[in-house]
Each structure stands twice: as C-alpha cells, then as structure tokens.
N, C-alpha and C. Protein backbone atom coordinates (compact mmCIF):
# COMPACT_ATOMS: atom_id res chain seq x y z
N UNK A 1 18.00 -2.51 -15.30
CA UNK A 1 17.15 -2.76 -14.16
C UNK A 1 16.01 -3.66 -14.61
N UNK A 2 15.68 -4.63 -13.78
CA UNK A 2 14.53 -5.48 -14.08
C UNK A 2 13.28 -4.67 -13.80
N UNK A 3 12.82 -4.01 -14.84
CA UNK A 3 11.79 -2.98 -14.71
C UNK A 3 10.53 -3.45 -14.01
N UNK A 4 9.97 -4.58 -14.41
CA UNK A 4 8.68 -4.99 -13.88
C UNK A 4 8.77 -5.38 -12.41
N UNK A 5 9.83 -6.09 -12.05
CA UNK A 5 9.97 -6.51 -10.66
C UNK A 5 10.09 -5.30 -9.75
N UNK A 6 10.97 -4.36 -10.10
CA UNK A 6 11.16 -3.21 -9.24
C UNK A 6 9.91 -2.34 -9.18
N UNK A 7 9.22 -2.15 -10.29
CA UNK A 7 7.99 -1.35 -10.28
C UNK A 7 6.95 -2.02 -9.40
N UNK A 8 6.82 -3.33 -9.53
CA UNK A 8 5.87 -4.07 -8.71
C UNK A 8 6.22 -3.93 -7.23
N UNK A 9 7.49 -3.98 -6.91
CA UNK A 9 7.91 -3.83 -5.51
C UNK A 9 7.63 -2.42 -5.00
N UNK A 10 7.84 -1.42 -5.82
CA UNK A 10 7.51 -0.05 -5.41
C UNK A 10 6.01 0.10 -5.19
N UNK A 11 5.21 -0.52 -6.04
CA UNK A 11 3.74 -0.49 -5.88
C UNK A 11 3.33 -1.21 -4.59
N UNK A 12 4.00 -2.31 -4.27
CA UNK A 12 3.70 -3.03 -3.02
C UNK A 12 4.04 -2.16 -1.82
N UNK A 13 5.11 -1.41 -1.92
CA UNK A 13 5.49 -0.49 -0.85
C UNK A 13 4.43 0.60 -0.68
N UNK A 14 3.94 1.11 -1.79
CA UNK A 14 2.87 2.12 -1.73
C UNK A 14 1.62 1.54 -1.07
N UNK A 15 1.29 0.30 -1.40
CA UNK A 15 0.13 -0.36 -0.80
C UNK A 15 0.34 -0.52 0.72
N UNK A 16 1.55 -0.92 1.12
CA UNK A 16 1.86 -1.07 2.55
C UNK A 16 1.78 0.28 3.26
N UNK A 17 2.16 1.34 2.58
CA UNK A 17 2.11 2.68 3.18
C UNK A 17 0.69 3.07 3.55
N UNK A 18 -0.28 2.63 2.76
CA UNK A 18 -1.67 3.01 3.01
C UNK A 18 -2.14 2.59 4.40
N UNK A 19 -1.61 1.48 4.92
CA UNK A 19 -2.04 1.01 6.23
C UNK A 19 -0.95 1.16 7.29
N UNK A 20 0.15 1.80 6.95
CA UNK A 20 1.27 1.95 7.88
C UNK A 20 0.95 2.97 8.97
N UNK A 21 1.46 2.69 10.16
CA UNK A 21 1.30 3.63 11.26
C UNK A 21 2.42 4.65 11.18
N UNK A 22 2.05 5.87 10.89
CA UNK A 22 3.01 6.98 10.80
C UNK A 22 2.21 8.28 10.84
N UNK A 23 2.90 9.36 11.12
CA UNK A 23 2.23 10.66 11.14
C UNK A 23 1.75 11.03 9.74
N UNK A 24 0.83 11.97 9.68
CA UNK A 24 0.34 12.45 8.39
C UNK A 24 1.49 12.99 7.53
N UNK A 25 2.42 13.68 8.19
CA UNK A 25 3.56 14.24 7.46
C UNK A 25 4.43 13.14 6.86
N UNK A 26 4.68 12.08 7.65
CA UNK A 26 5.49 10.96 7.15
C UNK A 26 4.78 10.26 6.00
N UNK A 27 3.47 10.08 6.13
CA UNK A 27 2.69 9.47 5.05
C UNK A 27 2.82 10.29 3.77
N UNK A 28 2.64 11.60 3.90
CA UNK A 28 2.69 12.47 2.72
C UNK A 28 4.07 12.46 2.07
N UNK A 29 5.12 12.55 2.88
CA UNK A 29 6.48 12.54 2.33
C UNK A 29 6.81 11.20 1.68
N UNK A 30 6.43 10.11 2.32
CA UNK A 30 6.70 8.79 1.76
C UNK A 30 5.92 8.59 0.46
N UNK A 31 4.69 9.06 0.43
CA UNK A 31 3.89 8.93 -0.79
C UNK A 31 4.51 9.74 -1.93
N UNK A 32 4.95 10.96 -1.62
CA UNK A 32 5.62 11.79 -2.63
C UNK A 32 6.89 11.12 -3.13
N UNK A 33 7.65 10.55 -2.21
CA UNK A 33 8.89 9.88 -2.58
C UNK A 33 8.63 8.67 -3.48
N UNK A 34 7.62 7.88 -3.13
CA UNK A 34 7.28 6.72 -3.96
C UNK A 34 6.79 7.16 -5.34
N UNK A 35 6.01 8.24 -5.39
CA UNK A 35 5.58 8.78 -6.69
C UNK A 35 6.78 9.16 -7.54
N UNK A 36 7.74 9.84 -6.94
CA UNK A 36 8.94 10.27 -7.67
C UNK A 36 9.73 9.06 -8.15
N UNK A 37 9.89 8.06 -7.30
CA UNK A 37 10.62 6.85 -7.69
C UNK A 37 9.93 6.15 -8.86
N UNK A 38 8.62 6.07 -8.80
CA UNK A 38 7.87 5.42 -9.89
C UNK A 38 8.02 6.20 -11.20
N UNK A 39 7.97 7.52 -11.12
CA UNK A 39 8.15 8.33 -12.34
C UNK A 39 9.56 8.17 -12.90
N UNK A 40 10.55 8.17 -12.03
CA UNK A 40 11.93 7.97 -12.48
C UNK A 40 12.10 6.57 -13.08
N UNK A 41 11.48 5.59 -12.46
CA UNK A 41 11.54 4.22 -12.97
C UNK A 41 10.93 4.15 -14.36
N UNK A 42 9.76 4.73 -14.51
CA UNK A 42 9.04 4.67 -15.79
C UNK A 42 9.80 5.39 -16.91
N UNK A 43 10.57 6.41 -16.55
CA UNK A 43 11.34 7.13 -17.57
C UNK A 43 12.78 6.62 -17.68
N UNK A 44 13.03 5.47 -17.05
CA UNK A 44 14.36 4.81 -17.11
C UNK A 44 15.47 5.71 -16.56
N UNK A 45 15.15 6.50 -15.55
CA UNK A 45 16.15 7.38 -14.94
C UNK A 45 16.48 6.97 -13.51
N UNK A 46 15.93 5.87 -13.03
CA UNK A 46 16.14 5.46 -11.64
C UNK A 46 17.40 4.60 -11.55
N UNK A 47 18.39 5.12 -10.86
CA UNK A 47 19.63 4.37 -10.66
C UNK A 47 19.57 3.65 -9.31
N UNK A 48 20.44 2.68 -9.16
CA UNK A 48 20.52 1.94 -7.90
C UNK A 48 20.85 2.88 -6.76
N UNK A 49 21.79 3.80 -6.98
CA UNK A 49 22.21 4.70 -5.91
C UNK A 49 21.07 5.59 -5.42
N UNK A 50 20.29 6.12 -6.35
CA UNK A 50 19.14 6.95 -5.98
C UNK A 50 18.10 6.10 -5.25
N UNK A 51 17.86 4.90 -5.75
CA UNK A 51 16.90 4.00 -5.11
C UNK A 51 17.32 3.69 -3.68
N UNK A 52 18.59 3.35 -3.48
CA UNK A 52 19.06 3.02 -2.13
C UNK A 52 18.97 4.22 -1.20
N UNK A 53 19.26 5.40 -1.69
CA UNK A 53 19.14 6.61 -0.88
C UNK A 53 17.68 6.83 -0.45
N UNK A 54 16.76 6.66 -1.38
CA UNK A 54 15.34 6.83 -1.07
C UNK A 54 14.85 5.77 -0.08
N UNK A 55 15.37 4.55 -0.22
CA UNK A 55 14.95 3.48 0.69
C UNK A 55 15.35 3.78 2.13
N UNK A 56 16.46 4.49 2.33
CA UNK A 56 16.86 4.88 3.68
C UNK A 56 15.76 5.72 4.33
N UNK A 57 15.15 6.59 3.57
CA UNK A 57 14.07 7.43 4.10
C UNK A 57 12.81 6.61 4.34
N UNK A 58 12.45 5.76 3.39
CA UNK A 58 11.25 4.94 3.55
C UNK A 58 11.38 3.98 4.72
N UNK A 59 12.60 3.55 5.03
CA UNK A 59 12.82 2.61 6.14
C UNK A 59 12.53 3.24 7.50
N UNK A 60 12.39 4.56 7.55
CA UNK A 60 12.05 5.23 8.81
C UNK A 60 10.62 4.92 9.25
N UNK A 61 9.82 4.36 8.35
CA UNK A 61 8.46 3.93 8.69
C UNK A 61 8.52 2.42 8.92
N UNK A 62 8.44 1.98 10.19
CA UNK A 62 8.63 0.56 10.50
C UNK A 62 7.75 -0.40 9.70
N UNK A 63 6.53 -0.01 9.41
CA UNK A 63 5.63 -0.91 8.67
C UNK A 63 6.07 -1.13 7.22
N UNK A 64 7.02 -0.37 6.75
CA UNK A 64 7.52 -0.55 5.38
C UNK A 64 8.79 -1.40 5.35
N UNK A 65 9.23 -1.89 6.50
CA UNK A 65 10.50 -2.63 6.58
C UNK A 65 10.55 -3.81 5.62
N UNK A 66 9.47 -4.58 5.53
CA UNK A 66 9.47 -5.76 4.67
C UNK A 66 9.67 -5.41 3.21
N UNK A 67 8.90 -4.44 2.72
CA UNK A 67 9.03 -4.09 1.29
C UNK A 67 10.36 -3.39 1.03
N UNK A 68 10.84 -2.59 1.97
CA UNK A 68 12.13 -1.93 1.79
C UNK A 68 13.24 -2.97 1.72
N UNK A 69 13.19 -3.98 2.60
CA UNK A 69 14.22 -5.03 2.59
C UNK A 69 14.20 -5.81 1.29
N UNK A 70 13.03 -6.10 0.76
CA UNK A 70 12.94 -6.84 -0.51
C UNK A 70 13.51 -6.02 -1.66
N UNK A 71 13.21 -4.73 -1.68
CA UNK A 71 13.75 -3.88 -2.75
C UNK A 71 15.26 -3.75 -2.61
N UNK A 72 15.74 -3.59 -1.38
CA UNK A 72 17.19 -3.50 -1.17
C UNK A 72 17.90 -4.76 -1.64
N UNK A 73 17.32 -5.92 -1.34
CA UNK A 73 17.93 -7.18 -1.77
C UNK A 73 18.00 -7.24 -3.29
N UNK A 74 16.92 -6.81 -3.94
CA UNK A 74 16.89 -6.80 -5.40
C UNK A 74 17.87 -5.76 -5.94
N UNK A 75 17.97 -4.64 -5.29
CA UNK A 75 18.84 -3.56 -5.77
C UNK A 75 20.31 -3.95 -5.69
N UNK A 76 20.65 -4.87 -4.81
CA UNK A 76 22.03 -5.34 -4.73
C UNK A 76 22.49 -6.01 -6.00
N UNK A 77 21.55 -6.47 -6.81
CA UNK A 77 21.86 -7.16 -8.06
C UNK A 77 21.80 -6.22 -9.26
N UNK A 78 21.49 -4.96 -9.05
CA UNK A 78 21.29 -4.02 -10.16
C UNK A 78 22.54 -3.22 -10.44
N UNK A 79 22.71 -2.78 -11.68
CA UNK A 79 23.84 -1.89 -11.99
C UNK A 79 23.62 -0.53 -11.35
N UNK A 80 24.70 0.21 -11.13
CA UNK A 80 24.56 1.51 -10.48
C UNK A 80 23.99 2.58 -11.42
N UNK A 81 24.00 2.35 -12.70
CA UNK A 81 23.43 3.30 -13.67
C UNK A 81 22.10 2.76 -14.18
N UNK A 82 21.17 3.66 -14.52
CA UNK A 82 19.89 3.19 -15.07
C UNK A 82 20.11 2.49 -16.41
N UNK A 83 19.24 1.55 -16.68
CA UNK A 83 19.29 0.84 -17.95
C UNK A 83 18.84 1.78 -19.07
N UNK A 84 19.42 1.64 -20.25
CA UNK A 84 18.95 2.47 -21.38
C UNK A 84 17.53 2.09 -21.76
N UNK A 85 16.76 3.01 -22.31
CA UNK A 85 15.39 2.70 -22.71
C UNK A 85 15.37 1.58 -23.75
N UNK A 86 14.31 0.80 -23.73
CA UNK A 86 14.15 -0.30 -24.69
C UNK A 86 13.95 0.21 -26.08
C-alpha cells in the first residue's frame, strides 16, 4: 500500500468530517471508524478489502463523498493484502 498517500487521504477525510452535516451519532461513528483505519494503516494491517468495506459506511455522509471517492479510486490500485512492514 502506498502508505503516505492513503494516510494523507484518510486525514483529509477526517478534516472533511469536522465540517460535515450529519447527526452527532454519525459524526462519532465516522470519527471512530477513521481512527481505527488510521491505526490499522500505521500498523500495516489495513487491507484493501477492509478499507473498501469501511468506505461504504463513510459514504453514508454526503459531505464525505469527495474524499471517499478519491480513496476508492486509489484503493483500486492496491493489493488485497496489507503490505509487509518496511
């Protein structure tokens, strides 16, 4: 996985979430999900399949559509298994 690009995109999604129109519950769940994705990414455990599954949930917040689409496009080029640690 291209670690820096995907991490940067996840951070951009988190930034977009801060101003997204959604219920408090949706904000909290999306924030928790992004935290989990970032932790998995940092520990080299984030696979494409898990990322795509999580993006389906994040896409339920319309204001995140742009960042979700960018990550999905990038994920199409990634292997289905996480990259081994450097």
